[in-house]
Amino acid sequence: MSNSNESDELRPEYDFDFSAAVRGKYYKQYQESSNVVVLDSDVAANFHNAEAVNAALRAMLQFAAKTADLTALQAKEPEIH
């Protein structure tokens, strides 16, 4: 198979002109909106799918929110010696 233009089988409507293209035009926007997280294999083995991961994280966040009040109260109480 040759790389010459003679063997180009693309239709004319797919012959794009990239001379005015801007490299990385949407890179920053993509990075800001991308939220892909890769789990280590030992962690991933404990979850069947993304919904299970999200449910576990939500439960952890709820627990942290509920216990934050407890730790704040303990920090305010003076120690008795």
C-alpha atoms as a PDB file:
ATOM      1  CA  MET A   1       0.000   0.000   0.000  1.00  0.00           C
ATOM      2  CA  SER A   2       1.427   3.334  -1.044  1.00  0.00           C
ATOM      3  CA  ASN A   3       1.242   6.603   0.871  1.00  0.00           C
ATOM      4  CA  SER A   4       0.999   8.693  -2.287  1.00  0.00           C
ATOM      5  CA  ASN A   5      -2.012  10.873  -3.072  1.00  0.00           C
ATOM      6  CA  GLU A   6      -2.903   8.529  -5.942  1.00  0.00           C
ATOM      7  CA  SER A   7      -4.042   5.863  -3.473  1.00  0.00           C
ATOM      8  CA  ASP A   8      -6.090   8.344  -1.429  1.00  0.00           C
ATOM      9  CA  GLU A   9      -9.581   6.869  -1.224  1.00  0.00           C
ATOM     10  CA  LEU A  10     -11.195   9.658   0.796  1.00  0.00           C
ATOM     11  CA  ARG A  11     -14.110  11.430  -0.744  1.00  0.00           C
ATOM     12  CA  PRO A  12     -13.562  15.102  -1.613  1.00  0.00           C
ATOM     13  CA  GLU A  13     -15.913  16.238   1.190  1.00  0.00           C
ATOM     14  CA  TYR A  14     -13.532  14.640   3.713  1.00  0.00           C
ATOM     15  CA  ASP A  15     -10.493  16.474   2.375  1.00  0.00           C
ATOM     16  CA  PHE A  16     -10.130  18.917   5.288  1.00  0.00           C
ATOM     17  CA  ASP A  17      -7.840  21.912   5.235  1.00  0.00           C
ATOM     18  CA  PHE A  18      -6.078  22.064   8.590  1.00  0.00           C
ATOM     19  CA  SER A  19      -3.868  25.026   7.695  1.00  0.00           C
ATOM     20  CA  ALA A  20      -5.947  27.358   9.899  1.00  0.00           C
ATOM     21  CA  ALA A  21      -6.270  24.880  12.764  1.00  0.00           C
ATOM     22  CA  VAL A  22      -5.109  25.882  16.239  1.00  0.00           C
ATOM     23  CA  ARG A  23      -3.254  23.186  18.152  1.00  0.00           C
ATOM     24  CA  GLY A  24      -4.596  22.733  21.685  1.00  0.00           C
ATOM     25  CA  LYS A  25      -7.430  25.231  21.204  1.00  0.00           C
ATOM     26  CA  TYR A  26      -9.715  23.394  23.647  1.00  0.00           C
ATOM     27  CA  TYR A  27      -7.010  21.770  25.810  1.00  0.00           C
ATOM     28  CA  LYS A  28      -7.491  23.993  28.878  1.00  0.00           C
ATOM     29  CA  GLN A  29     -11.303  23.702  28.693  1.00  0.00           C
ATOM     30  CA  TYR A  30     -11.012  19.911  28.407  1.00  0.00           C
ATOM     31  CA  GLN A  31      -8.654  19.683  31.378  1.00  0.00           C
ATOM     32  CA  GLU A  32     -11.004  21.776  33.537  1.00  0.00           C
ATOM     33  CA  SER A  33     -14.064  19.693  32.690  1.00  0.00           C
ATOM     34  CA  SER A  34     -12.415  16.286  32.652  1.00  0.00           C
ATOM     35  CA  ASN A  35     -12.890  14.303  35.845  1.00  0.00           C
ATOM     36  CA  VAL A  36     -11.558  10.876  34.984  1.00  0.00           C
ATOM     37  CA  VAL A  37     -10.009   9.095  37.952  1.00  0.00           C
ATOM     38  CA  VAL A  38      -8.039   5.889  37.580  1.00  0.00           C
ATOM     39  CA  LEU A  39      -8.371   3.512  40.508  1.00  0.00           C
ATOM     40  CA  ASP A  40      -5.556   1.244  41.597  1.00  0.00           C
ATOM     41  CA  SER A  41      -6.283  -2.373  40.739  1.00  0.00           C
ATOM     42  CA  ASP A  42      -6.755  -3.452  44.376  1.00  0.00           C
ATOM     43  CA  VAL A  43      -9.357  -0.715  44.912  1.00  0.00           C
ATOM     44  CA  ALA A  44     -11.094  -1.301  41.571  1.00  0.00           C
ATOM     45  CA  ALA A  45     -11.452  -5.002  42.392  1.00  0.00           C
ATOM     46  CA  ASN A  46     -13.918  -4.070  45.139  1.00  0.00           C
ATOM     47  CA  PHE A  47     -16.338  -2.225  42.849  1.00  0.00           C
ATOM     48  CA  HIS A  48     -18.485  -3.584  40.038  1.00  0.00           C
ATOM     49  CA  ASN A  49     -19.037  -0.310  38.208  1.00  0.00           C
ATOM     50  CA  ALA A  50     -18.917   3.490  38.409  1.00  0.00           C
ATOM     51  CA  GLU A  51     -22.235   3.642  40.274  1.00  0.00           C
ATOM     52  CA  ALA A  52     -20.773   1.506  43.087  1.00  0.00           C
ATOM     53  CA  VAL A  53     -17.753   3.791  43.355  1.00  0.00           C
ATOM     54  CA  ASN A  54     -19.964   6.887  43.446  1.00  0.00           C
ATOM     55  CA  ALA A  55     -22.226   5.351  46.099  1.00  0.00           C
ATOM     56  CA  ALA A  56     -19.230   4.528  48.298  1.00  0.00           C
ATOM     57  CA  LEU A  57     -17.766   8.015  47.908  1.00  0.00           C
ATOM     58  CA  ARG A  58     -21.116   9.657  48.687  1.00  0.00           C
ATOM     59  CA  ALA A  59     -21.453   7.533  51.831  1.00  0.00           C
ATOM     60  CA  MET A  60     -17.947   8.529  52.890  1.00  0.00           C
ATOM     61  CA  LEU A  61     -18.735  12.223  52.301  1.00  0.00           C
ATOM     62  CA  GLN A  62     -21.936  11.972  54.348  1.00  0.00           C
ATOM     63  CA  PHE A  63     -20.036  10.256  57.163  1.00  0.00           C
ATOM     64  CA  ALA A  64     -17.314  12.921  57.071  1.00  0.00           C
ATOM     65  CA  ALA A  65     -19.920  15.697  57.205  1.00  0.00           C
ATOM     66  CA  LYS A  66     -21.700  14.109  60.184  1.00  0.00           C
ATOM     67  CA  THR A  67     -18.514  13.455  62.126  1.00  0.00           C
ATOM     68  CA  ALA A  68     -17.052  16.899  61.403  1.00  0.00           C
ATOM     69  CA  ASP A  69     -19.433  18.355  63.983  1.00  0.00           C
ATOM     70  CA  LEU A  70     -18.252  15.823  66.564  1.00  0.00           C
ATOM     71  CA  THR A  71     -14.583  16.576  66.050  1.00  0.00           C
ATOM     72  CA  ALA A  72     -15.287  20.327  66.137  1.00  0.00           C
ATOM     73  CA  LEU A  73     -17.030  19.927  69.514  1.00  0.00           C
ATOM     74  CA  GLN A  74     -14.165  17.860  70.900  1.00  0.00           C
ATOM     75  CA  ALA A  75     -11.657  20.498  69.851  1.00  0.00           C
ATOM     76  CA  LYS A  76     -13.599  23.194  71.744  1.00  0.00           C
ATOM     77  CA  GLU A  77     -13.911  21.227  75.011  1.00  0.00           C
ATOM     78  CA  PRO A  78     -11.086  21.891  77.479  1.00  0.00           C
ATOM     79  CA  GLU A  79      -9.100  18.896  78.643  1.00  0.00           C
ATOM     80  CA  ILE A  80      -9.524  17.928  82.268  1.00  0.00           C
ATOM     81  CA  HIS A  81      -6.360  16.773  84.039  1.00  0.00           C
END
